[in-house]
Amino acid sequence: MRRSLVVASIALVVLLAGCAGLPGGDSADDDLLEESADHEATSTPEDETDEAASDDEDAAEADDQTADDGDRPATADGELELHHIDVGQADATLLVTPANETILIDTGDWRHGGEGVIEYLEQEGIDRIDHLVATHGHADHIGGHDAVIEWAETEGDGIGAAYDSGVPHTSQTYDRYLDAVEAHDVDLFIVEEGDELPVDGNLTALVVNPEAGDSGSDLHDNSVAVVFEFGEFTYLTTGDAETDAEARMINEWGGELDADVYQAGHHGSSTSSTPAFLDTATPEIAIISSAYDSQYGHPHDEVLESFADRDIETYWTGVHGDVVVTADGEGDIAVETADAFSTDAEDLLDEKLDNDDQQSIRDLPAVTLQMGEAAR
């Protein structure tokens, strides 16, 4: 049951915030922290590994700040940077606005504890996160949240505000995240469709998921999805939102989803990036964040085939490493990757299939040996 404890809090925040945007007045974290405390005593380290395994199992089985289209900037100054950090089978995306505001969406897997993300931020000369977004509570998305908060608050210039779907998770990773929020008194805001993150004036950040109100407890379909618009440029990121959430977004926000660049939902799983969603978003460029040897087979063949059918220029962190997109808001888009590789989705599919074949060959000796021993 989603937001049963936090809805009243959100209404109060909206009332108190007035014209100041989400980070005005009191934050909405108290009820979420209380809800998390109810399960903190029972969460175990196994929650993290079970959660990773369930990723594919799931696949098988504010003030009144909504902007009218006319309120959105028609022109843009400077450049918007989108850094898709290579964090293996996980997500971490850094946006740097023309005004040098920073937006960090997810922080990688719990096993890495935010180390790679923090190292990347330091390499980029960043010591403050103005907006820290948790798309949802799975450990491959918020695994470094506690470490990033600790680092920014003790070694850097702090966290401006944190944003969450409002759906808690029963894992130690989620508890550590909320513990860090509480320990450093970080303002935490629950967001839903129609909200806008209070970013600088040249950029709008419209939340199009989760569904407003009580939208249930499914972590994937309550993923925070955001449409960023900078002049003539649009970027769409949806976390792990799956088929039902994509269908709802099409119905409710179809006109807002048209994107130049799309971060493929759910690491390129076939549970996301449905044909209907791609036909609505019509991206020119797609970025997939998943490991080269993904234990879930990400990106799935069907998704790469859909990208190929639509001539979508495709980047995959598994082969391209860090992927940085720079947009001037006037039609020019540049992409830089850590490693050179084709951006043709068919070539990426061939590479993935070749790797799968090689993996099968590497497994053969063990299978042959077992068969031989059984014969004896």
Protein backbone atom coordinates (compact mmCIF):
# COMPACT_ATOMS: atom_id res chain seq x y z
CA MET A 1 0.00 0.00 0.00
CA ARG A 2 1.65 3.19 -1.17
CA ARG A 3 1.70 6.52 0.63
CA SER A 4 -0.82 5.48 3.26
CA LEU A 5 1.37 7.24 5.80
CA VAL A 6 2.88 9.99 3.71
CA VAL A 7 0.05 11.57 1.75
CA ALA A 8 -0.95 13.89 4.59
CA SER A 9 2.69 14.86 4.98
CA ILE A 10 3.00 15.73 1.30
CA ALA A 11 -0.11 17.90 1.41
CA LEU A 12 1.39 19.76 4.34
CA VAL A 13 4.69 20.24 2.51
CA VAL A 14 2.87 21.63 -0.52
CA LEU A 15 0.94 24.03 1.69
CA LEU A 16 4.00 25.20 3.56
CA ALA A 17 6.22 25.49 0.51
CA GLY A 18 4.21 28.21 -1.15
CA CYS A 19 6.11 29.50 -4.19
CA ALA A 20 9.44 28.10 -3.10
CA GLY A 21 9.16 24.77 -4.93
CA LEU A 22 9.63 21.34 -3.39
CA PRO A 23 12.55 22.21 -1.10
CA GLY A 24 10.54 24.88 0.68
CA GLY A 25 9.11 24.48 4.18
CA ASP A 26 9.28 21.13 5.98
CA SER A 27 10.46 17.97 4.27
CA ALA A 28 8.29 14.89 3.91
CA ASP A 29 10.69 12.27 5.24
CA ASP A 30 9.36 11.65 8.76
CA ASP A 31 6.62 9.19 7.81
CA LEU A 32 8.85 7.33 5.37
CA LEU A 33 11.53 7.04 8.05
CA GLU A 34 8.92 5.78 10.50
CA GLU A 35 7.62 3.25 7.97
CA SER A 36 11.14 2.00 7.34
CA ALA A 37 11.77 1.64 11.07
CA ASP A 38 8.90 -0.86 11.27
CA HIS A 39 10.89 -3.39 9.24
CA GLU A 40 14.45 -2.41 10.15
CA ALA A 41 14.79 -5.06 12.83
CA THR A 42 13.90 -7.86 10.43
CA SER A 43 15.92 -6.92 7.35
CA THR A 44 18.94 -9.10 6.66
CA PRO A 45 21.91 -9.12 4.29
CA GLU A 46 20.07 -11.82 2.34
CA ASP A 47 17.52 -9.18 1.36
CA GLU A 48 20.15 -7.71 -0.93
CA THR A 49 20.98 -10.91 -2.82
CA ASP A 50 17.36 -12.05 -2.92
CA GLU A 51 16.48 -8.66 -4.35
CA ALA A 52 19.06 -8.98 -7.12
CA ALA A 53 17.77 -12.44 -7.96
CA SER A 54 14.16 -11.24 -7.96
CA ASP A 55 14.95 -8.63 -10.62
CA ASP A 56 14.37 -11.16 -13.39
CA GLU A 57 11.76 -13.05 -11.41
CA ASP A 58 9.67 -9.91 -11.38
CA ALA A 59 10.21 -9.66 -15.12
CA ALA A 60 8.90 -13.18 -15.62
CA GLU A 61 6.04 -13.10 -13.35
CA ALA A 62 5.47 20.20 -3.66
CA ASP A 63 3.95 23.28 -4.33
CA ASP A 64 1.44 23.37 -7.12
CA GLN A 65 4.29 23.36 -9.54
CA THR A 66 3.05 21.46 -12.58
CA ALA A 67 4.08 23.70 -15.45
CA ASP A 68 1.92 24.41 -18.47
CA ASP A 69 3.61 23.88 -21.82
CA GLY A 70 3.79 27.64 -22.23
CA ASP A 71 5.85 27.96 -19.06
CA ARG A 72 8.68 25.87 -20.44
CA PRO A 73 11.77 27.64 -21.78
CA ALA A 74 11.72 28.00 -25.56
CA THR A 75 15.41 28.87 -25.69
CA ALA A 76 18.41 27.60 -23.77
CA ASP A 77 21.79 28.98 -22.78
CA GLY A 78 24.82 26.84 -22.03
CA GLU A 79 24.94 23.05 -22.12
CA LEU A 80 23.26 20.17 -20.33
CA GLU A 81 25.44 17.15 -19.54
CA LEU A 82 24.07 13.64 -18.98
CA HIS A 83 26.63 11.25 -17.49
CA HIS A 84 25.58 7.60 -17.59
CA ILE A 85 28.11 6.11 -15.22
CA ASP A 86 29.22 2.54 -15.87
CA VAL A 87 28.24 0.78 -12.65
CA GLY A 88 27.83 -2.72 -14.05
CA GLN A 89 24.43 -4.32 -13.50
CA ALA A 90 23.02 -1.19 -11.88
CA ASP A 91 22.09 2.44 -12.54
CA ALA A 92 23.71 5.78 -11.75
CA THR A 93 23.13 8.88 -13.87
CA LEU A 94 24.52 12.36 -13.24
CA LEU A 95 23.05 15.47 -14.81
CA VAL A 96 24.95 18.75 -14.75
CA THR A 97 22.79 21.71 -15.71
CA PRO A 98 23.93 24.87 -17.52
CA ALA A 99 23.84 26.61 -14.12
CA ASN A 100 26.13 23.87 -12.71
CA GLU A 101 23.38 22.34 -10.59
CA THR A 102 23.84 18.61 -10.13
CA ILE A 103 21.16 15.92 -10.26
CA LEU A 104 22.21 12.38 -9.34
CA ILE A 105 19.67 9.70 -10.23
CA ASP A 106 20.48 6.41 -8.47
CA THR A 107 23.89 5.40 -7.13
CA GLY A 108 24.73 1.89 -8.27
CA ASP A 109 24.74 -1.49 -6.57
CA TRP A 110 25.01 -2.09 -2.81
CA ARG A 111 28.05 -4.35 -3.24
CA HIS A 112 30.09 -1.37 -4.44
CA GLY A 113 28.84 0.93 -1.70
CA GLY A 114 28.91 4.02 -3.89
CA GLU A 115 32.68 3.83 -4.34
CA GLY A 116 32.70 4.05 -8.14
CA VAL A 117 30.09 6.81 -8.18
CA ILE A 118 31.97 8.91 -5.64
CA GLU A 119 35.21 8.39 -7.57
CA TYR A 120 33.47 9.56 -10.75
CA LEU A 121 32.07 12.64 -9.02
CA GLU A 122 35.50 13.55 -7.68
CA GLN A 123 37.05 13.11 -11.12
CA GLU A 124 34.45 15.53 -12.48
CA GLY A 125 35.29 18.06 -9.76
CA ILE A 126 31.85 17.73 -8.15
CA ASP A 127 31.51 17.99 -4.38
CA ARG A 128 27.80 18.78 -4.03
CA ILE A 129 24.63 17.02 -5.14
CA ASP A 130 21.79 19.50 -5.40
CA HIS A 131 19.16 16.88 -6.19
CA LEU A 132 19.56 13.20 -5.20
CA VAL A 133 16.89 10.96 -6.74
CA ALA A 134 16.08 7.38 -5.75
CA THR A 135 14.03 5.94 -8.60
CA HIS A 136 13.01 3.05 -6.33
CA GLY A 137 14.27 1.07 -3.36
CA HIS A 138 16.07 -1.84 -5.03
CA ALA A 139 19.70 -2.21 -4.03
CA ASP A 140 21.04 -1.90 -7.60
CA HIS A 141 19.64 1.64 -7.70
CA ILE A 142 20.14 3.01 -4.17
CA GLY A 143 23.16 0.91 -3.24
CA GLY A 144 25.41 3.93 -2.87
CA HIS A 145 22.91 6.42 -1.48
CA ASP A 146 24.10 6.22 2.11
CA ALA A 147 27.76 6.53 1.08
CA VAL A 148 27.10 9.43 -1.30
CA ILE A 149 25.14 11.29 1.38
CA GLU A 150 27.90 10.67 3.93
CA TRP A 151 30.60 11.77 1.48
CA ALA A 152 28.79 14.91 0.35
CA GLU A 153 27.83 15.95 3.86
CA THR A 154 31.22 15.30 5.50
CA GLU A 155 33.75 15.82 2.71
CA GLY A 156 31.87 17.90 0.19
CA ASP A 157 29.34 20.71 0.06
CA GLY A 158 26.33 18.63 1.03
CA ILE A 159 23.08 17.35 -0.43
CA GLY A 160 20.47 19.93 -1.45
CA ALA A 161 17.47 17.61 -1.28
CA ALA A 162 16.57 13.96 -1.83
CA TYR A 163 13.55 12.59 -3.72
CA ASP A 164 11.83 9.22 -3.40
CA SER A 165 8.81 7.35 -4.76
CA GLY A 166 7.46 6.88 -1.24
CA VAL A 167 7.39 3.07 -1.52
CA PRO A 168 9.62 1.59 1.21
CA HIS A 169 11.64 -1.59 0.85
CA THR A 170 12.57 -4.22 3.44
CA SER A 171 16.32 -4.34 2.98
CA GLN A 172 19.32 -3.16 4.94
CA THR A 173 20.36 -1.07 1.94
CA TYR A 174 17.13 0.90 2.13
CA ASP A 175 17.48 1.26 5.89
CA ARG A 176 21.02 2.60 5.53
CA TYR A 177 19.82 5.13 2.96
CA LEU A 178 17.12 6.47 5.30
CA ASP A 179 19.50 6.36 8.26
CA ALA A 180 21.90 8.61 6.30
CA VAL A 181 19.04 10.97 5.43
CA GLU A 182 18.13 11.21 9.09
CA ALA A 183 21.70 11.43 10.41
CA HIS A 184 22.54 14.38 8.15
CA ASP A 185 19.12 16.01 8.28
CA VAL A 186 18.70 15.84 4.49
CA ASP A 187 15.34 17.09 3.23
CA LEU A 188 13.52 14.12 1.67
CA PHE A 189 10.53 14.69 -0.61
CA ILE A 190 8.07 12.14 -1.95
CA VAL A 191 7.28 12.81 -5.61
CA GLU A 192 4.54 11.64 -7.95
CA GLU A 193 3.31 12.39 -11.45
CA GLY A 194 2.76 16.08 -12.10
CA ASP A 195 5.46 17.27 -9.69
CA GLU A 196 8.49 19.14 -10.97
CA LEU A 197 11.93 19.07 -9.43
CA PRO A 198 12.98 22.67 -8.64
CA VAL A 199 15.95 22.83 -11.00
CA ASP A 200 17.37 25.98 -12.56
CA GLY A 201 15.28 28.09 -14.91
CA ASN A 202 16.78 26.82 -18.19
CA LEU A 203 15.68 23.26 -17.44
CA THR A 204 12.38 21.66 -16.46
CA ALA A 205 12.13 18.26 -14.75
CA LEU A 206 8.60 16.86 -14.92
CA VAL A 207 7.81 13.72 -12.94
CA VAL A 208 5.53 11.37 -14.96
CA ASN A 209 5.64 8.35 -12.63
CA PRO A 210 4.63 7.07 -10.01
CA GLU A 211 0.91 7.42 -10.40
CA ALA A 212 -0.60 10.05 -8.13
CA GLY A 213 -2.20 8.81 -4.91
CA ASP A 214 -2.16 5.22 -3.68
CA SER A 215 -0.56 3.28 -6.52
CA GLY A 216 0.26 0.09 -4.66
CA SER A 217 3.53 -1.34 -3.40
CA ASP A 218 5.26 -2.59 -6.56
CA LEU A 219 8.73 -1.05 -6.55
CA HIS A 220 9.32 -1.29 -10.29
CA ASP A 221 6.05 0.24 -11.45
CA ASN A 222 6.39 3.00 -8.85
CA SER A 223 9.82 3.97 -10.20
CA VAL A 224 10.36 7.69 -10.42
CA ALA A 225 10.33 8.63 -14.13
CA VAL A 226 11.33 12.13 -15.20
CA VAL A 227 11.15 14.10 -18.44
CA PHE A 228 13.91 16.72 -18.60
CA GLU A 229 13.41 19.50 -21.13
CA PHE A 230 16.16 21.95 -22.07
CA GLY A 231 15.22 24.21 -24.93
CA GLU A 232 14.61 21.94 -27.91
CA PHE A 233 16.18 18.93 -26.18
CA THR A 234 14.31 16.30 -24.14
CA TYR A 235 15.67 13.45 -22.03
CA LEU A 236 13.51 10.64 -20.62
CA THR A 237 14.51 8.31 -17.80
CA THR A 238 12.15 5.77 -16.22
CA GLY A 239 14.09 3.69 -13.70
CA ASP A 240 12.73 0.14 -13.71
CA ALA A 241 9.17 1.07 -14.73
CA GLU A 242 7.61 -1.86 -16.56
CA THR A 243 4.78 -2.55 -19.01
CA ASP A 244 1.83 -1.38 -16.89
CA ALA A 245 3.56 1.81 -15.84
CA GLU A 246 4.62 2.52 -19.41
CA ALA A 247 1.03 2.07 -20.62
CA ARG A 248 -0.23 4.45 -17.96
CA MET A 249 2.42 7.04 -18.84
CA ILE A 250 1.39 6.83 -22.50
CA ASN A 251 -2.24 7.45 -21.56
CA GLU A 252 -1.59 10.24 -19.09
CA TRP A 253 1.57 11.90 -20.40
CA GLY A 254 1.94 10.79 -24.01
CA GLY A 255 2.55 14.29 -25.31
CA GLU A 256 5.34 14.86 -22.79
CA LEU A 257 7.25 11.65 -23.54
CA ASP A 258 8.65 12.61 -26.96
CA ALA A 259 12.39 12.39 -26.28
CA ASP A 260 15.66 12.91 -28.09
CA VAL A 261 17.49 10.67 -25.62
CA TYR A 262 15.98 7.80 -23.63
CA GLN A 263 17.58 5.81 -20.85
CA ALA A 264 16.23 2.33 -21.48
CA GLY A 265 13.95 1.15 -18.70
CA HIS A 266 14.97 -1.71 -16.41
CA HIS A 267 18.50 -2.07 -17.82
CA GLY A 268 17.19 -2.99 -21.27
CA SER A 269 14.82 -5.70 -20.03
CA SER A 270 11.93 -6.80 -22.24
CA THR A 271 9.65 -5.91 -19.33
CA SER A 272 10.20 -2.29 -20.41
CA SER A 273 10.81 -0.33 -23.62
CA THR A 274 7.64 -1.79 -25.08
CA PRO A 275 6.94 -1.07 -28.75
CA ALA A 276 4.06 1.25 -27.79
CA PHE A 277 6.30 3.19 -25.42
CA LEU A 278 9.08 3.52 -27.99
CA ASP A 279 6.57 4.63 -30.63
CA THR A 280 5.38 7.33 -28.23
CA ALA A 281 8.82 8.47 -27.07
CA THR A 282 10.44 8.16 -30.55
CA PRO A 283 14.00 8.56 -29.22
CA GLU A 284 16.92 9.17 -31.54
CA ILE A 285 19.38 7.86 -28.95
CA ALA A 286 19.01 5.18 -26.27
CA ILE A 287 21.40 4.39 -23.42
CA ILE A 288 21.31 1.02 -21.68
CA SER A 289 22.90 0.67 -18.26
CA SER A 290 23.76 -2.97 -17.60
CA ALA A 291 26.73 -5.28 -17.27
CA TYR A 292 28.43 -6.97 -20.23
CA ASP A 293 27.94 -10.36 -18.57
CA SER A 294 24.55 -9.54 -17.10
CA GLN A 295 23.22 -12.45 -15.06
CA TYR A 296 19.75 -11.50 -16.32
CA GLY A 297 20.70 -11.38 -19.99
CA HIS A 298 20.30 -7.60 -20.16
CA PRO A 299 19.84 -6.02 -22.57
CA HIS A 300 17.29 -8.50 -23.84
CA ASP A 301 17.34 -9.42 -27.51
CA GLU A 302 13.81 -8.13 -28.12
CA VAL A 303 14.75 -4.65 -26.92
CA LEU A 304 17.83 -4.43 -29.12
CA GLU A 305 15.75 -5.66 -32.05
CA SER A 306 13.15 -2.95 -31.35
CA PHE A 307 15.89 -0.33 -31.26
CA ALA A 308 17.33 -1.66 -34.51
CA ASP A 309 13.92 -1.64 -36.21
CA ARG A 310 13.55 2.04 -35.30
CA ASP A 311 17.14 3.02 -36.20
CA ILE A 312 17.77 4.20 -32.64
CA GLU A 313 21.42 5.01 -32.02
CA THR A 314 22.20 2.76 -29.06
CA TYR A 315 24.82 2.91 -26.33
CA TRP A 316 25.37 0.14 -23.79
CA THR A 317 27.58 0.74 -20.77
CA GLY A 318 28.57 -2.94 -20.93
CA VAL A 319 30.63 -2.22 -24.06
CA HIS A 320 30.85 1.60 -24.22
CA GLY A 321 31.66 2.22 -20.54
CA ASP A 322 30.69 5.68 -19.29
CA VAL A 323 28.41 7.43 -21.77
CA VAL A 324 28.25 11.24 -21.66
CA VAL A 325 25.64 13.14 -23.67
CA THR A 326 25.97 16.90 -24.10
CA ALA A 327 23.09 19.00 -25.48
CA ASP A 328 23.03 22.72 -26.21
CA GLY A 329 19.25 22.90 -26.26
CA GLU A 330 19.22 24.13 -29.83
CA GLY A 331 19.44 20.83 -31.67
CA ASP A 332 23.10 19.88 -31.29
CA ILE A 333 23.78 16.66 -29.36
CA ALA A 334 27.22 15.16 -28.79
CA VAL A 335 28.00 11.76 -27.25
CA GLU A 336 31.32 10.64 -25.79
CA THR A 337 32.07 7.14 -24.55
CA ALA A 338 34.89 5.68 -22.51
CA ASP A 339 35.30 2.84 -25.01
CA ALA A 340 34.75 2.77 -28.75
CA PHE A 341 32.15 0.41 -30.16
CA SER A 342 29.39 0.41 -32.75
CA THR A 343 26.14 2.17 -31.84
CA ASP A 344 24.10 0.06 -34.24
CA ALA A 345 21.68 -1.99 -32.14
CA GLU A 346 22.12 -4.96 -34.49
CA ASP A 347 25.88 -4.92 -33.87
CA LEU A 348 25.27 -4.75 -30.13
CA LEU A 349 22.93 -7.72 -30.39
CA ASP A 350 25.55 -9.69 -32.35
CA GLU A 351 28.15 -8.85 -29.70
CA LYS A 352 25.83 -9.97 -26.94
CA LEU A 353 24.97 -13.23 -28.73
CA ASP A 354 28.66 -13.91 -29.43
CA ASN A 355 29.43 -13.37 -25.77
CA ASP A 356 26.60 -15.71 -24.79
CA ASP A 357 28.01 -18.36 -27.15
CA GLN A 358 31.51 -17.96 -25.71
CA GLN A 359 30.10 -18.31 -22.22
CA SER A 360 28.37 -21.53 -23.26
CA ILE A 361 31.64 -22.86 -24.69
CA ARG A 362 33.48 -22.02 -21.46
CA ASP A 363 30.87 -24.01 -19.57
CA LEU A 364 31.22 -27.10 -21.79
CA PRO A 365 34.29 -28.73 -20.15
CA ALA A 366 32.56 -28.86 -16.80
CA VAL A 367 29.46 -30.36 -18.37
CA THR A 368 31.51 -32.94 -20.32
CA LEU A 369 33.41 -33.89 -17.19
CA GLN A 370 30.21 -34.37 -15.24
CA MET A 371 28.80 -36.56 -18.03
CA GLY A 372 31.98 -38.64 -18.10
CA GLU A 373 31.93 -39.15 -14.36
CA ALA A 374 28.30 -40.15 -14.50
CA ALA A 375 29.10 -42.74 -17.20
CA ARG A 376 31.80 -44.25 -15.06
